[in-house]
Amino acid sequence: MSSPTARGALPRTAARCAGRIGHAASLLPAALLTLGVVAAGRPDPARAWWARVDGQDPAAPSRRPGAWRLVGHALTDIPLGLLALVPVGLEILFVLRGVLYPVVEDGPYDHAWGGPGLAGAWAAHFLIGLALAVAGLGALWLLDRLHHRLAGWTWGREVGAGAVCALPVLCAAGGVLVVAWTHQL
């Protein structure tokens, strides 16, 4: 039998993972909102929100970044947020082309993956979409981990060179993927 703490660990882990995925998916609007509130002269709401996201104590006086650090944090998060749009797009495609396949594609299914019937085409598109959706969720989780590493300088932690070098490399790879994807449409 499992202990009560072991039974509660899985839901907490799933909730933490879902929170990280949600944070990664919302990086772009949060970064733009941060720039707006700092420009309006009200950095405190942005500071408190980023402290919660980054796992910091917003009340600790030594850990309170100034307005310029918040702007730098937001400017770092804009490319990460743009990059997060790729896996978010995979999640949307899974719903539209996997789950709702019969609604968006009205047949005939003779040349569709899994065709010639509707059931086979739906199953093929659902299973391929499911694999891509899982990969998209994993990519969002990894982007949140990278964000957490890069956000360390905002809170006074050292940031390794690997995290700093990963940002332009990942952005370039994401750009190549988006360009290649749009050319095949």
C-alpha atoms as a PDB file:
ATOM      1  CA  MET A   1       0.000   0.000   0.000  1.00  0.00           C
ATOM      2  CA  SER A   2       1.102   3.525  -0.634  1.00  0.00           C
ATOM      3  CA  SER A   3       1.462   6.065   2.118  1.00  0.00           C
ATOM      4  CA  PRO A   4      -0.781   9.162   2.318  1.00  0.00           C
ATOM      5  CA  THR A   5       2.144  11.375   1.333  1.00  0.00           C
ATOM      6  CA  ALA A   6       2.880   9.231  -1.725  1.00  0.00           C
ATOM      7  CA  ARG A   7      -0.768   9.446  -2.828  1.00  0.00           C
ATOM      8  CA  GLY A   8      -0.720  13.243  -2.560  1.00  0.00           C
ATOM      9  CA  ALA A   9       2.622  13.632  -4.321  1.00  0.00           C
ATOM     10  CA  LEU A  10       1.349  12.838  -7.819  1.00  0.00           C
ATOM     11  CA  PRO A  11      -1.414  15.486  -7.852  1.00  0.00           C
ATOM     12  CA  ARG A  12       1.021  18.097  -6.463  1.00  0.00           C
ATOM     13  CA  THR A  13       3.596  17.190  -9.092  1.00  0.00           C
ATOM     14  CA  ALA A  14       0.974  17.353 -11.845  1.00  0.00           C
ATOM     15  CA  ALA A  15      -0.249  20.720 -10.568  1.00  0.00           C
ATOM     16  CA  ARG A  16       3.318  22.080 -10.449  1.00  0.00           C
ATOM     17  CA  CYS A  17       3.970  20.813 -13.968  1.00  0.00           C
ATOM     18  CA  ALA A  18       0.709  22.337 -15.250  1.00  0.00           C
ATOM     19  CA  GLY A  19       1.635  25.621 -13.575  1.00  0.00           C
ATOM     20  CA  ARG A  20       5.022  25.656 -15.292  1.00  0.00           C
ATOM     21  CA  ILE A  21       3.420  24.915 -18.647  1.00  0.00           C
ATOM     22  CA  GLY A  22       0.891  27.702 -18.073  1.00  0.00           C
ATOM     23  CA  HIS A  23       3.644  30.154 -17.139  1.00  0.00           C
ATOM     24  CA  ALA A  24       5.593  29.330 -20.285  1.00  0.00           C
ATOM     25  CA  ALA A  25       2.490  29.746 -22.434  1.00  0.00           C
ATOM     26  CA  SER A  26       1.827  33.173 -20.903  1.00  0.00           C
ATOM     27  CA  LEU A  27       5.376  34.570 -21.108  1.00  0.00           C
ATOM     28  CA  LEU A  28       4.733  36.872 -24.068  1.00  0.00           C
ATOM     29  CA  PRO A  29       1.644  38.655 -22.690  1.00  0.00           C
ATOM     30  CA  ALA A  30       3.228  38.825 -19.224  1.00  0.00           C
ATOM     31  CA  ALA A  31       6.409  40.386 -20.631  1.00  0.00           C
ATOM     32  CA  LEU A  32       4.430  42.959 -22.618  1.00  0.00           C
ATOM     33  CA  LEU A  33       2.276  43.735 -19.579  1.00  0.00           C
ATOM     34  CA  THR A  34       5.419  44.137 -17.475  1.00  0.00           C
ATOM     35  CA  LEU A  35       6.815  46.665 -19.935  1.00  0.00           C
ATOM     36  CA  GLY A  36       3.511  48.551 -19.806  1.00  0.00           C
ATOM     37  CA  VAL A  37       3.217  48.749 -16.031  1.00  0.00           C
ATOM     38  CA  VAL A  38       6.878  49.714 -15.623  1.00  0.00           C
ATOM     39  CA  ALA A  39       6.472  52.423 -18.281  1.00  0.00           C
ATOM     40  CA  ALA A  40       3.405  53.654 -16.395  1.00  0.00           C
ATOM     41  CA  GLY A  41       5.564  54.002 -13.265  1.00  0.00           C
ATOM     42  CA  ARG A  42       3.932  51.136 -11.349  1.00  0.00           C
ATOM     43  CA  PRO A  43       6.509  48.307 -11.190  1.00  0.00           C
ATOM     44  CA  ASP A  44       5.180  46.815  -7.927  1.00  0.00           C
ATOM     45  CA  PRO A  45       2.440  44.613  -9.477  1.00  0.00           C
ATOM     46  CA  ALA A  46       4.895  43.257 -12.055  1.00  0.00           C
ATOM     47  CA  ARG A  47       7.543  42.704  -9.375  1.00  0.00           C
ATOM     48  CA  ALA A  48       5.080  40.758  -7.205  1.00  0.00           C
ATOM     49  CA  TRP A  49       3.812  38.663 -10.118  1.00  0.00           C
ATOM     50  CA  TRP A  50       7.289  37.752 -11.363  1.00  0.00           C
ATOM     51  CA  ALA A  51       8.358  36.955  -7.790  1.00  0.00           C
ATOM     52  CA  ARG A  52       5.551  34.394  -7.528  1.00  0.00           C
ATOM     53  CA  VAL A  53       6.345  32.945 -10.970  1.00  0.00           C
ATOM     54  CA  ASP A  54      10.075  32.745 -10.254  1.00  0.00           C
ATOM     55  CA  GLY A  55       9.583  31.310  -6.759  1.00  0.00           C
ATOM     56  CA  GLN A  56      10.915  34.343  -4.895  1.00  0.00           C
ATOM     57  CA  ASP A  57       9.686  36.069  -1.759  1.00  0.00           C
ATOM     58  CA  PRO A  58       8.239  39.392  -2.977  1.00  0.00           C
ATOM     59  CA  ALA A  59       8.524  40.895   0.517  1.00  0.00           C
ATOM     60  CA  ALA A  60      12.270  40.305   0.888  1.00  0.00           C
ATOM     61  CA  PRO A  61      13.885  43.758   0.566  1.00  0.00           C
ATOM     62  CA  SER A  62      17.202  42.409  -0.730  1.00  0.00           C
ATOM     63  CA  ARG A  63      15.401  40.585  -3.516  1.00  0.00           C
ATOM     64  CA  ARG A  64      13.385  43.496  -4.896  1.00  0.00           C
ATOM     65  CA  PRO A  65      14.552  44.216  -8.442  1.00  0.00           C
ATOM     66  CA  GLY A  66      14.369  47.775  -9.669  1.00  0.00           C
ATOM     67  CA  ALA A  67      12.446  48.974 -12.690  1.00  0.00           C
ATOM     68  CA  TRP A  68      15.396  48.519 -15.046  1.00  0.00           C
ATOM     69  CA  ARG A  69      15.884  44.907 -13.995  1.00  0.00           C
ATOM     70  CA  LEU A  70      12.184  44.282 -14.570  1.00  0.00           C
ATOM     71  CA  VAL A  71      12.489  45.812 -18.045  1.00  0.00           C
ATOM     72  CA  GLY A  72      15.502  43.587 -18.752  1.00  0.00           C
ATOM     73  CA  HIS A  73      13.564  40.593 -17.475  1.00  0.00           C
ATOM     74  CA  ALA A  74      10.641  41.426 -19.749  1.00  0.00           C
ATOM     75  CA  LEU A  75      12.904  41.986 -22.759  1.00  0.00           C
ATOM     76  CA  THR A  76      14.462  38.558 -22.154  1.00  0.00           C
ATOM     77  CA  ASP A  77      11.008  36.994 -21.901  1.00  0.00           C
ATOM     78  CA  ILE A  78       9.744  38.400 -25.201  1.00  0.00           C
ATOM     79  CA  PRO A  79      11.822  35.994 -27.363  1.00  0.00           C
ATOM     80  CA  LEU A  80      10.967  33.140 -24.991  1.00  0.00           C
ATOM     81  CA  GLY A  81       7.286  34.060 -25.271  1.00  0.00           C
ATOM     82  CA  LEU A  82       7.494  34.162 -29.061  1.00  0.00           C
ATOM     83  CA  LEU A  83       9.201  30.775 -29.003  1.00  0.00           C
ATOM     84  CA  ALA A  84       6.446  29.428 -26.738  1.00  0.00           C
ATOM     85  CA  LEU A  85       3.916  30.214 -29.464  1.00  0.00           C
ATOM     86  CA  VAL A  86       5.228  27.217 -31.447  1.00  0.00           C
ATOM     87  CA  PRO A  87       4.247  24.554 -28.874  1.00  0.00           C
ATOM     88  CA  VAL A  88       1.056  26.465 -28.062  1.00  0.00           C
ATOM     89  CA  GLY A  89       0.264  26.212 -31.779  1.00  0.00           C
ATOM     90  CA  LEU A  90       0.844  22.452 -31.574  1.00  0.00           C
ATOM     91  CA  GLU A  91      -1.743  22.237 -28.800  1.00  0.00           C
ATOM     92  CA  ILE A  92      -4.251  24.207 -30.872  1.00  0.00           C
ATOM     93  CA  LEU A  93      -3.572  22.035 -33.921  1.00  0.00           C
ATOM     94  CA  PHE A  94      -4.126  18.922 -31.822  1.00  0.00           C
ATOM     95  CA  VAL A  95      -7.570  20.113 -30.854  1.00  0.00           C
ATOM     96  CA  LEU A  96      -8.513  21.297 -34.348  1.00  0.00           C
ATOM     97  CA  ARG A  97      -6.954  18.568 -36.493  1.00  0.00           C
ATOM     98  CA  GLY A  98      -6.933  15.690 -34.010  1.00  0.00           C
ATOM     99  CA  VAL A  99      -9.908  15.884 -31.710  1.00  0.00           C
ATOM    100  CA  LEU A 100     -12.207  17.790 -34.081  1.00  0.00           C
ATOM    101  CA  TYR A 101     -10.996  16.168 -37.311  1.00  0.00           C
ATOM    102  CA  PRO A 102     -14.464  15.188 -38.627  1.00  0.00           C
ATOM    103  CA  VAL A 103     -15.700  18.744 -38.007  1.00  0.00           C
ATOM    104  CA  VAL A 104     -12.885  20.499 -39.899  1.00  0.00           C
ATOM    105  CA  GLU A 105     -12.481  17.909 -42.690  1.00  0.00           C
ATOM    106  CA  ASP A 106     -15.669  16.792 -44.402  1.00  0.00           C
ATOM    107  CA  GLY A 107     -14.243  14.068 -46.636  1.00  0.00           C
ATOM    108  CA  PRO A 108     -13.925  12.115 -48.793  1.00  0.00           C
ATOM    109  CA  TYR A 109     -11.149  10.422 -46.810  1.00  0.00           C
ATOM    110  CA  ASP A 110      -9.698   8.317 -49.658  1.00  0.00           C
ATOM    111  CA  HIS A 111      -6.265  10.000 -49.532  1.00  0.00           C
ATOM    112  CA  ALA A 112      -6.250  11.006 -45.849  1.00  0.00           C
ATOM    113  CA  TRP A 113      -3.857   9.442 -43.359  1.00  0.00           C
ATOM    114  CA  GLY A 114      -5.628   6.382 -42.004  1.00  0.00           C
ATOM    115  CA  GLY A 115      -8.312   6.536 -44.728  1.00  0.00           C
ATOM    116  CA  PRO A 116     -10.300   5.565 -46.717  1.00  0.00           C
ATOM    117  CA  GLY A 117     -12.910   5.673 -43.934  1.00  0.00           C
ATOM    118  CA  LEU A 118     -13.681   8.403 -41.393  1.00  0.00           C
ATOM    119  CA  ALA A 119     -12.828   6.225 -38.365  1.00  0.00           C
ATOM    120  CA  GLY A 120      -9.332   5.386 -39.612  1.00  0.00           C
ATOM    121  CA  ALA A 121      -8.595   8.950 -40.685  1.00  0.00           C
ATOM    122  CA  TRP A 122      -9.829  10.322 -37.357  1.00  0.00           C
ATOM    123  CA  ALA A 123      -7.794   7.778 -35.380  1.00  0.00           C
ATOM    124  CA  ALA A 124      -4.616   8.481 -37.363  1.00  0.00           C
ATOM    125  CA  HIS A 125      -4.940  12.245 -37.011  1.00  0.00           C
ATOM    126  CA  PHE A 126      -5.815  11.939 -33.315  1.00  0.00           C
ATOM    127  CA  LEU A 127      -2.842   9.701 -32.482  1.00  0.00           C
ATOM    128  CA  ILE A 128      -0.342  11.787 -34.463  1.00  0.00           C
ATOM    129  CA  GLY A 129      -1.777  14.936 -32.895  1.00  0.00           C
ATOM    130  CA  LEU A 130      -1.585  13.379 -29.433  1.00  0.00           C
ATOM    131  CA  ALA A 131       2.126  12.653 -29.864  1.00  0.00           C
ATOM    132  CA  LEU A 132       2.742  16.226 -31.037  1.00  0.00           C
ATOM    133  CA  ALA A 133       0.643  17.618 -28.167  1.00  0.00           C
ATOM    134  CA  VAL A 134       2.719  15.701 -25.615  1.00  0.00           C
ATOM    135  CA  ALA A 135       5.898  16.989 -27.285  1.00  0.00           C
ATOM    136  CA  GLY A 136       4.455  20.531 -27.179  1.00  0.00           C
ATOM    137  CA  LEU A 137       3.717  20.260 -23.458  1.00  0.00           C
ATOM    138  CA  GLY A 138       7.254  19.011 -22.872  1.00  0.00           C
ATOM    139  CA  ALA A 139       8.655  21.931 -24.866  1.00  0.00           C
ATOM    140  CA  LEU A 140       6.611  24.403 -22.805  1.00  0.00           C
ATOM    141  CA  TRP A 141       7.871  22.818 -19.581  1.00  0.00           C
ATOM    142  CA  LEU A 142      11.462  23.095 -20.820  1.00  0.00           C
ATOM    143  CA  LEU A 143      10.935  26.722 -21.859  1.00  0.00           C
ATOM    144  CA  ASP A 144       9.715  27.475 -18.344  1.00  0.00           C
ATOM    145  CA  ARG A 145      12.853  25.874 -16.911  1.00  0.00           C
ATOM    146  CA  LEU A 146      14.987  28.034 -19.225  1.00  0.00           C
ATOM    147  CA  HIS A 147      12.993  31.093 -18.174  1.00  0.00           C
ATOM    148  CA  HIS A 148      13.596  30.265 -14.526  1.00  0.00           C
ATOM    149  CA  ARG A 149      17.345  29.988 -15.154  1.00  0.00           C
ATOM    150  CA  LEU A 150      17.483  33.239 -17.129  1.00  0.00           C
ATOM    151  CA  ALA A 151      15.342  35.058 -14.565  1.00  0.00           C
ATOM    152  CA  GLY A 152      17.919  34.339 -11.898  1.00  0.00           C
ATOM    153  CA  TRP A 153      19.854  37.552 -12.598  1.00  0.00           C
ATOM    154  CA  THR A 154      16.711  39.547 -11.836  1.00  0.00           C
ATOM    155  CA  TRP A 155      16.742  38.140  -8.309  1.00  0.00           C
ATOM    156  CA  GLY A 156      20.498  38.264  -7.755  1.00  0.00           C
ATOM    157  CA  ARG A 157      21.371  34.667  -8.700  1.00  0.00           C
ATOM    158  CA  GLU A 158      24.154  33.778 -11.087  1.00  0.00           C
ATOM    159  CA  VAL A 159      23.085  32.653 -14.541  1.00  0.00           C
ATOM    160  CA  GLY A 160      25.247  30.137 -16.335  1.00  0.00           C
ATOM    161  CA  ALA A 161      26.541  30.672 -19.842  1.00  0.00           C
ATOM    162  CA  GLY A 162      24.573  27.670 -21.069  1.00  0.00           C
ATOM    163  CA  ALA A 163      21.229  29.310 -20.388  1.00  0.00           C
ATOM    164  CA  VAL A 164      22.340  32.581 -21.988  1.00  0.00           C
ATOM    165  CA  CYS A 165      23.650  30.800 -25.102  1.00  0.00           C
ATOM    166  CA  ALA A 166      20.565  28.598 -25.351  1.00  0.00           C
ATOM    167  CA  LEU A 167      18.234  31.573 -25.876  1.00  0.00           C
ATOM    168  CA  PRO A 168      19.533  32.753 -29.293  1.00  0.00           C
ATOM    169  CA  VAL A 169      20.106  29.183 -30.477  1.00  0.00           C
ATOM    170  CA  LEU A 170      16.545  28.153 -29.593  1.00  0.00           C
ATOM    171  CA  CYS A 171      15.088  31.325 -31.108  1.00  0.00           C
ATOM    172  CA  ALA A 172      16.975  30.699 -34.357  1.00  0.00           C
ATOM    173  CA  ALA A 173      15.817  27.063 -34.406  1.00  0.00           C
ATOM    174  CA  GLY A 174      12.236  28.158 -33.733  1.00  0.00           C
ATOM    175  CA  GLY A 175      12.444  30.691 -36.562  1.00  0.00           C
ATOM    176  CA  VAL A 176      13.741  28.042 -38.970  1.00  0.00           C
ATOM    177  CA  LEU A 177      10.933  25.683 -37.909  1.00  0.00           C
ATOM    178  CA  VAL A 178       8.237  28.315 -38.446  1.00  0.00           C
ATOM    179  CA  VAL A 179       9.619  29.325 -41.849  1.00  0.00           C
ATOM    180  CA  ALA A 180       9.884  25.673 -42.959  1.00  0.00           C
ATOM    181  CA  TRP A 181       6.375  24.949 -41.702  1.00  0.00           C
ATOM    182  CA  THR A 182       4.853  27.911 -43.529  1.00  0.00           C
ATOM    183  CA  HIS A 183       6.633  26.946 -46.771  1.00  0.00           C
ATOM    184  CA  GLN A 184       5.163  23.465 -46.707  1.00  0.00           C
ATOM    185  CA  LEU A 185       1.617  24.821 -46.368  1.00  0.00           C
END
